Structure formats: C-alpha cells, structure tokens
Protein backbone atom coordinates (compact mmCIF):
# COMPACT_ATOMS: atom_id res chain seq x y z
CA MET A 1 -7.63 47.25 24.05
CA ASP A 2 -5.01 47.10 26.83
CA ASP A 3 -7.82 47.03 29.41
CA ALA A 4 -9.39 43.96 27.80
CA ARG A 5 -6.03 42.21 27.45
CA TYR A 6 -5.14 42.97 31.05
CA ILE A 7 -8.48 41.76 32.39
CA PHE A 8 -8.39 38.53 30.37
CA SER A 9 -4.82 37.77 31.46
CA SER A 10 -5.84 38.35 35.09
CA ILE A 11 -8.56 35.67 35.04
CA ASP A 12 -7.08 32.76 36.96
CA PHE A 13 -10.17 30.52 37.17
CA LEU A 14 -9.67 29.61 33.50
CA ASN A 15 -6.68 27.39 32.77
CA PRO A 16 -4.52 27.93 29.64
CA ASN A 17 -6.34 25.17 27.73
CA GLU A 18 -9.73 26.74 28.42
CA LYS A 19 -8.53 30.18 27.36
CA TYR A 20 -7.13 28.71 24.16
CA ARG A 21 -10.39 26.87 23.38
CA LEU A 22 -12.26 30.15 23.80
CA TYR A 23 -9.84 31.75 21.36
CA LYS A 24 -10.47 29.00 18.78
CA ALA A 25 -14.24 29.13 19.26
CA SER A 26 -14.71 32.91 19.00
CA LYS A 27 -13.83 35.83 16.76
CA SER A 28 -12.28 37.52 19.79
CA VAL A 29 -12.09 36.35 23.39
CA TYR A 30 -12.73 39.93 24.48
CA GLU A 31 -16.26 39.77 23.04
CA ILE A 32 -17.20 37.58 26.01
CA PHE A 33 -17.37 40.67 28.22
CA ASP A 34 -20.32 41.94 26.13
CA MET A 35 -22.14 38.66 25.33
CA ASP A 36 -25.73 37.95 26.35
CA LYS A 37 -26.93 34.65 27.81
CA GLU A 38 -27.65 33.04 24.44
CA ASP A 39 -24.21 33.90 23.08
CA LEU A 40 -22.53 32.58 26.23
CA LEU A 41 -24.45 29.30 26.01
CA ASN A 42 -23.46 28.90 22.38
CA LEU A 43 -19.82 29.68 23.13
CA SER A 44 -19.89 27.17 25.98
CA LEU A 45 -20.98 24.44 23.55
CA LEU A 46 -18.35 25.39 20.97
CA SER A 47 -15.46 25.71 23.42
CA ASP A 48 -16.34 23.08 26.02
CA VAL A 49 -15.88 25.72 28.73
CA SER A 50 -18.70 25.70 31.26
CA TYR A 51 -21.44 28.31 31.05
CA GLU A 52 -20.90 29.11 34.73
CA LYS A 53 -17.26 30.00 34.07
CA LEU A 54 -18.23 32.12 31.08
CA LYS A 55 -20.69 34.04 33.26
CA MET A 56 -17.84 34.64 35.69
CA VAL A 57 -15.71 35.98 32.84
CA LYS A 58 -18.46 38.32 31.67
CA ASN A 59 -18.99 39.68 35.18
CA TYR A 60 -15.32 39.77 36.11
CA LYS A 61 -14.40 42.94 37.95
CA TYR A 62 -10.84 44.14 37.99
CA THR A 63 -8.99 47.36 38.50
CA LYS A 64 -8.56 49.31 35.28
CA TYR A 65 -5.22 48.78 33.63
CA VAL A 66 -2.87 51.65 34.40
CA LYS A 67 0.21 51.79 32.22
CA SER A 68 3.15 52.81 34.34
CA ASN A 69 6.32 54.46 33.09
CA SER A 70 7.93 51.04 32.77
CA ASP A 71 9.01 49.49 29.49
CA ILE A 72 6.45 46.67 29.68
CA VAL A 73 4.54 46.13 26.43
CA ILE A 74 1.33 44.11 25.99
CA THR A 75 0.64 42.03 22.90
CA ASP A 76 -1.82 39.26 22.18
CA ILE A 77 -2.46 36.35 19.85
CA TYR A 78 -4.32 38.60 17.39
CA SER A 79 -1.34 40.94 16.94
CA GLU A 80 1.26 40.94 14.17
CA ASP A 81 4.14 41.00 16.67
CA TYR A 82 2.96 37.81 18.41
CA PRO A 83 5.47 35.01 17.65
CA LYS A 84 4.16 32.86 14.79
CA ILE A 85 5.84 29.72 16.08
CA LEU A 86 4.18 30.12 19.52
CA LYS A 87 0.77 30.73 17.99
CA ASP A 88 0.99 27.26 16.44
CA ILE A 89 0.88 25.36 19.75
CA TYR A 90 -2.19 24.11 21.59
CA SER A 91 -2.85 26.26 24.67
CA ALA A 92 -0.84 29.18 23.27
CA PRO A 93 -1.10 32.12 25.70
CA ILE A 94 -3.67 34.67 24.56
CA VAL A 95 -1.88 37.63 26.13
CA LEU A 96 1.86 38.25 26.48
CA TYR A 97 3.68 40.96 28.39
CA HIS A 98 7.24 41.64 27.34
CA ILE A 99 10.22 43.89 27.98
CA GLY A 100 12.45 44.17 24.95
CA ASP A 101 11.58 43.02 21.46
CA ILE A 102 10.36 39.45 21.02
CA PRO A 103 12.77 37.93 18.48
CA LYS A 104 11.34 37.20 15.03
CA GLU A 105 13.83 34.48 14.12
CA CYS A 106 13.94 30.87 15.30
CA MET A 107 14.86 30.34 18.93
CA VAL A 108 16.39 27.44 20.85
CA SER A 109 15.46 26.50 24.43
CA VAL A 110 18.10 25.40 26.93
CA VAL A 111 16.85 24.03 30.26
CA GLY A 112 18.21 21.91 33.08
CA SER A 113 18.81 21.41 36.77
CA ARG A 114 18.65 24.15 39.40
CA ASN A 115 21.63 22.45 41.07
CA PRO A 116 23.89 21.47 38.18
CA SER A 117 27.24 19.75 38.32
CA SER A 118 30.43 21.40 37.05
CA TYR A 119 30.02 19.20 33.94
CA GLY A 120 26.52 20.57 33.36
CA ILE A 121 27.70 24.14 33.75
CA ARG A 122 30.55 23.58 31.26
CA CYS A 123 28.18 22.01 28.74
CA THR A 124 25.71 24.87 29.10
CA GLU A 125 28.35 27.59 28.76
CA ASN A 126 29.91 25.96 25.71
CA LEU A 127 26.57 25.26 24.05
CA SER A 128 24.95 28.65 24.73
CA GLU A 129 28.00 30.64 23.63
CA SER A 130 28.40 28.55 20.49
CA LEU A 131 24.71 28.81 19.57
CA SER A 132 24.64 32.57 20.15
CA LEU A 133 27.73 33.00 17.96
CA GLN A 134 25.82 31.11 15.25
CA GLY A 135 23.00 33.66 15.56
CA PHE A 136 20.55 31.63 17.64
CA THR A 137 18.54 33.22 20.44
CA ILE A 138 18.57 31.19 23.67
CA VAL A 139 15.29 30.82 25.55
CA SER A 140 15.10 29.67 29.16
CA GLY A 141 13.19 30.21 32.40
CA MET A 142 15.56 32.45 34.41
CA ALA A 143 15.66 29.86 37.20
CA LYS A 144 18.73 29.08 39.27
CA GLY A 145 21.29 26.75 37.75
CA ILE A 146 21.29 25.79 34.06
CA ASP A 147 18.68 28.40 33.09
CA GLY A 148 20.72 31.27 34.49
CA VAL A 149 23.98 29.97 33.03
CA SER A 150 22.40 29.69 29.58
CA HIS A 151 21.14 33.29 29.70
CA VAL A 152 24.44 34.79 30.84
CA SER A 153 26.48 32.76 28.37
CA ALA A 154 24.22 33.63 25.44
CA LEU A 155 24.25 37.35 26.23
CA LYS A 156 28.06 37.45 25.92
CA HIS A 157 27.71 37.24 22.15
CA GLY A 158 24.02 37.43 21.25
CA ASN A 159 20.45 37.46 22.45
CA SER A 160 18.45 35.61 25.10
CA VAL A 161 14.81 35.44 26.22
CA GLY A 162 13.68 34.77 29.77
CA VAL A 163 10.15 33.41 30.26
CA LEU A 164 8.88 34.09 33.78
CA GLY A 165 6.37 32.31 35.98
CA ASN A 166 5.26 35.64 37.49
CA GLY A 167 4.67 39.24 36.46
CA LEU A 168 7.48 41.22 34.84
CA LYS A 169 7.72 43.73 37.69
CA ILE A 170 8.91 40.94 39.98
CA CYS A 171 12.32 39.28 39.84
CA TYR A 172 12.10 35.65 40.91
CA PRO A 173 14.26 34.13 42.20
CA SER A 174 15.62 37.29 43.80
CA GLU A 175 19.23 36.03 43.66
CA ASN A 176 19.01 36.16 39.87
CA LYS A 177 18.48 39.93 39.86
CA PHE A 178 21.67 40.47 37.85
CA ILE A 179 20.37 38.08 35.17
CA TYR A 180 16.97 39.81 35.22
CA ASP A 181 18.71 43.16 34.68
CA LYS A 182 20.86 41.77 31.87
CA LEU A 183 17.79 40.39 30.06
CA ARG A 184 15.87 43.60 30.66
CA ASN A 185 18.66 45.75 29.22
CA LYS A 186 20.03 43.55 26.46
CA GLY A 187 17.61 40.69 25.82
CA CYS A 188 13.90 40.08 26.34
CA LEU A 189 11.64 39.12 29.25
CA ILE A 190 8.23 37.51 28.62
CA SER A 191 5.30 36.56 30.83
CA GLU A 192 1.64 35.69 30.31
CA TYR A 193 0.82 37.04 33.77
CA PRO A 194 -0.03 40.67 34.70
CA PRO A 195 2.99 42.77 35.70
CA ASP A 196 2.35 42.68 39.46
CA CYS A 197 1.43 38.98 39.58
CA LYS A 198 3.37 37.10 42.26
CA PRO A 199 4.91 33.68 41.55
CA ARG A 200 2.79 30.62 42.29
CA LYS A 201 3.78 26.97 42.13
CA ILE A 202 1.30 26.22 39.33
CA TYR A 203 2.65 29.00 37.11
CA PHE A 204 6.07 27.42 36.54
CA PRO A 205 4.96 24.26 34.74
CA GLN A 206 2.54 26.45 32.77
CA ARG A 207 5.30 28.79 31.63
CA ASN A 208 7.34 25.78 30.44
CA ARG A 209 4.98 25.31 27.49
CA ILE A 210 5.93 28.85 26.39
CA ILE A 211 9.66 28.14 26.71
CA SER A 212 9.34 25.13 24.40
CA GLY A 213 6.67 26.76 22.23
CA LEU A 214 8.89 29.72 21.31
CA SER A 215 11.61 27.37 20.10
CA PHE A 216 12.03 24.94 17.24
CA CYS A 217 14.02 22.65 19.53
CA THR A 218 14.63 22.17 23.24
CA ILE A 219 17.97 21.11 24.74
CA VAL A 220 18.10 19.47 28.18
CA VAL A 221 21.49 19.60 29.87
CA GLU A 222 20.88 17.89 33.22
CA ALA A 223 17.52 16.69 34.54
CA GLY A 224 16.39 14.45 37.35
CA ASP A 225 13.66 11.85 36.94
CA LYS A 226 10.92 14.27 38.08
CA SER A 227 12.38 17.65 37.16
CA GLY A 228 10.70 20.66 35.57
CA SER A 229 13.07 20.25 32.63
CA LEU A 230 11.30 17.01 31.74
CA ILE A 231 8.00 18.90 31.76
CA THR A 232 9.48 21.32 29.23
CA ALA A 233 10.82 18.43 27.14
CA ASN A 234 7.43 16.71 27.14
CA TYR A 235 5.75 19.95 26.11
CA ALA A 236 8.25 20.24 23.25
CA LEU A 237 7.49 16.72 22.06
CA SER A 238 3.73 17.35 22.22
CA GLN A 239 4.30 20.52 20.16
CA ASN A 240 6.11 18.50 17.48
CA ARG A 241 9.48 20.04 18.36
CA ASP A 242 12.83 18.26 18.55
CA VAL A 243 14.47 17.48 21.89
CA TYR A 244 18.22 16.99 22.40
CA CYS A 245 20.19 16.00 25.50
CA PHE A 246 23.70 15.74 26.85
CA PRO A 247 24.30 12.23 28.27
CA ASN A 248 25.00 11.75 31.99
CA TYR A 249 26.46 9.07 34.24
CA ILE A 250 23.62 6.96 35.65
CA ASP A 251 24.57 7.61 39.29
CA THR A 252 24.65 11.42 39.21
CA GLY A 253 20.98 12.07 39.97
CA PHE A 254 20.43 13.45 36.47
CA ASN A 255 19.21 10.25 34.85
CA GLY A 256 16.17 12.03 33.38
CA THR A 257 18.23 13.12 30.39
CA ASN A 258 19.36 9.54 29.75
CA VAL A 259 15.73 8.42 29.85
CA LEU A 260 14.85 11.05 27.24
CA ILE A 261 17.66 9.77 25.03
CA LYS A 262 16.45 6.18 25.50
CA GLU A 263 12.96 7.31 24.43
CA GLY A 264 14.27 8.92 21.24
CA ALA A 265 15.68 12.37 22.05
CA GLY A 266 18.72 13.46 20.06
CA LEU A 267 22.13 12.90 21.63
CA ILE A 268 24.67 15.74 21.75
CA THR A 269 28.24 14.44 21.70
CA ASP A 270 29.99 17.34 19.95
CA VAL A 271 28.80 20.94 20.42
CA ASP A 272 30.36 22.31 17.22
CA LEU A 273 28.91 19.50 15.10
CA PHE A 274 25.53 19.92 16.77
CA CYS A 275 25.49 23.66 16.00
CA GLN A 276 26.21 22.90 12.33
CA GLU A 277 23.39 20.37 12.20
CA LEU A 278 21.03 22.80 13.91
CA LYS A 279 21.68 25.39 11.21
CA THR A 280 20.33 22.95 8.63
CA ILE A 281 17.26 22.19 10.73
CA GLU A 282 16.66 25.91 11.26
CA ILE A 283 16.30 26.49 7.52
CA SER A 284 13.22 24.26 7.32
CA TRP A 285 11.64 26.01 10.30
CA LYS A 286 12.27 29.42 8.76
CA ASN A 287 10.52 28.22 5.60
CA ILE A 288 7.51 27.16 7.67
CA TYR A 289 7.18 30.18 9.96
CA TYR A 290 9.08 33.11 8.54
CA CYS A 291 9.10 32.84 4.74
CA LYS A 292 5.76 31.45 3.67
CA GLY A 293 3.04 34.03 3.71
CA SER A 294 5.28 36.72 5.15
C-alpha cells in the first residue's frame, strides 16, 4: 500500500482538485494503475479528468518506495487516522506524510506576515500561548515571521502542527531549523509531498488549504493586501470555517487584515475573551466531527 500511496503523491501533473475528483469518482484512486482503456474512459467522464492524464497515471513510472529509518509515517484519505475535519474539504489531499501524531481534537490556524511588526509578534505570542493553555493545537506553515512565532509560543505549553510546502526530510526555510526540530520532537509535521520533494513556489499556496482545512477557524495576525495569509483566509471561508483578525493601523502595510474584517471576518479585541468564546464554538465542531458516529 505504501508504494501506491507514494506513487500517487509523486504525480505532479495532476493538481489537487483533479486528484480529489478522482477520489470522489472511484472506489480507490490506486485502482487506476490497473485499469484498462474502458475503465479509464469511464473514470474520465465521471471525474472530469482527461483520459490522456489518466493514461499517464496508469503508466507512471517511479522508483519503488523505500522506507528509511526515519519517523515519517504515510496515511491517506481512506485511513482511520486521517483527520475527519480535513476529509470534509474540497480538494482534500489524498496522501499525507507526517512526523508525530496528527491531533484528533479541533485545531486552530494562526497565520500572518513573514516580516511582522513588534505589535504582530506580541499579539501572536499572547494568542498562541493562551490558546495552547486552553488545550487548542496551533496549526501554521512554519514560515518566517508569524508562523514561526505561533509554533514556538504554542509549544511552550501545548501542541503545534507545521504544514510544509515540501517533503518532510527538508527543512524550509533553513533558518527555521530550530522550529522544525521542536515540531519534530514535540509536535507534528505534515506534508502531502513525498519526503525528498524540494520546495516549489506553487506548493505553498496549495499547502495553505491544508492549514485552514485542519482547523475549525483561522486567525490572521498581520497580512498585506496580496499576502499568502489572505490565501489561507480565503481557503478557510470557502471551507465554511470562521476567520478572525487582529486590527491594524491603515498605514502599516498590513491592511489585508482590515479588509478581511470589513468583509465580515471576526474582530479580536481581547485575547482572553476570544479564547473563552472559541471554547464555545469548539463544542459544536466536536459534535460534528468527533462525537457523531465515532
């Protein structure tokens, strides 16, 4: 099974939406490797993925998966340990690699600028520490700036999950190696890409849908008008998740958060009060994803 998972996750000529449509249109995406022409044509009609691409999948040649002595574990969307809340989103990743246990409880995403102000850093530290003390797991992207601050602050008292835009054997950015090691030893690292996969520009907006998809709400601390944090926030909204923001002065370069608030995102004015409110919201999400049918 690991061979099939590894091969499917290595296919980069299918985008996440196409892979997800194949999942919805088939009993198992791995059956494609053994399908004949008629089955491929039928699957193409059901999934709206071109027959030519499906032929490429069937004939895809890749080095056999060799499990190293690392602590990397493979799971997929058919497995019991795959996060239920992530499985609910459109374009959910079919295969996940992870180091450390993927948390079962509700998670909260914290994202923001790679070059935050001292105000943004203070907000992130206060928020992440308070949320972790309340038992929440903080999810972010292990990038420079707000992401890294949220991970380190959360791990002082609780758990954190880093979602990478590259394989788990690679630490990117390299200056965040100490955060990578902290997450590896005490938290959890997740990627949809094979372990040796190098970072590519396209992977980072793709991984943002996983950051928001793992969480029942996303919090944006500081974001410019065209920042990756806004991509994560928009993914969260499309996934029917709540978005909250800290307000900013309009001349700081972080007006993206104010725009989100103007468009309906929740406004955080008191961290302690927000954490109390979030506990109430969490109960309903637990009822949806962790109590019913469990």
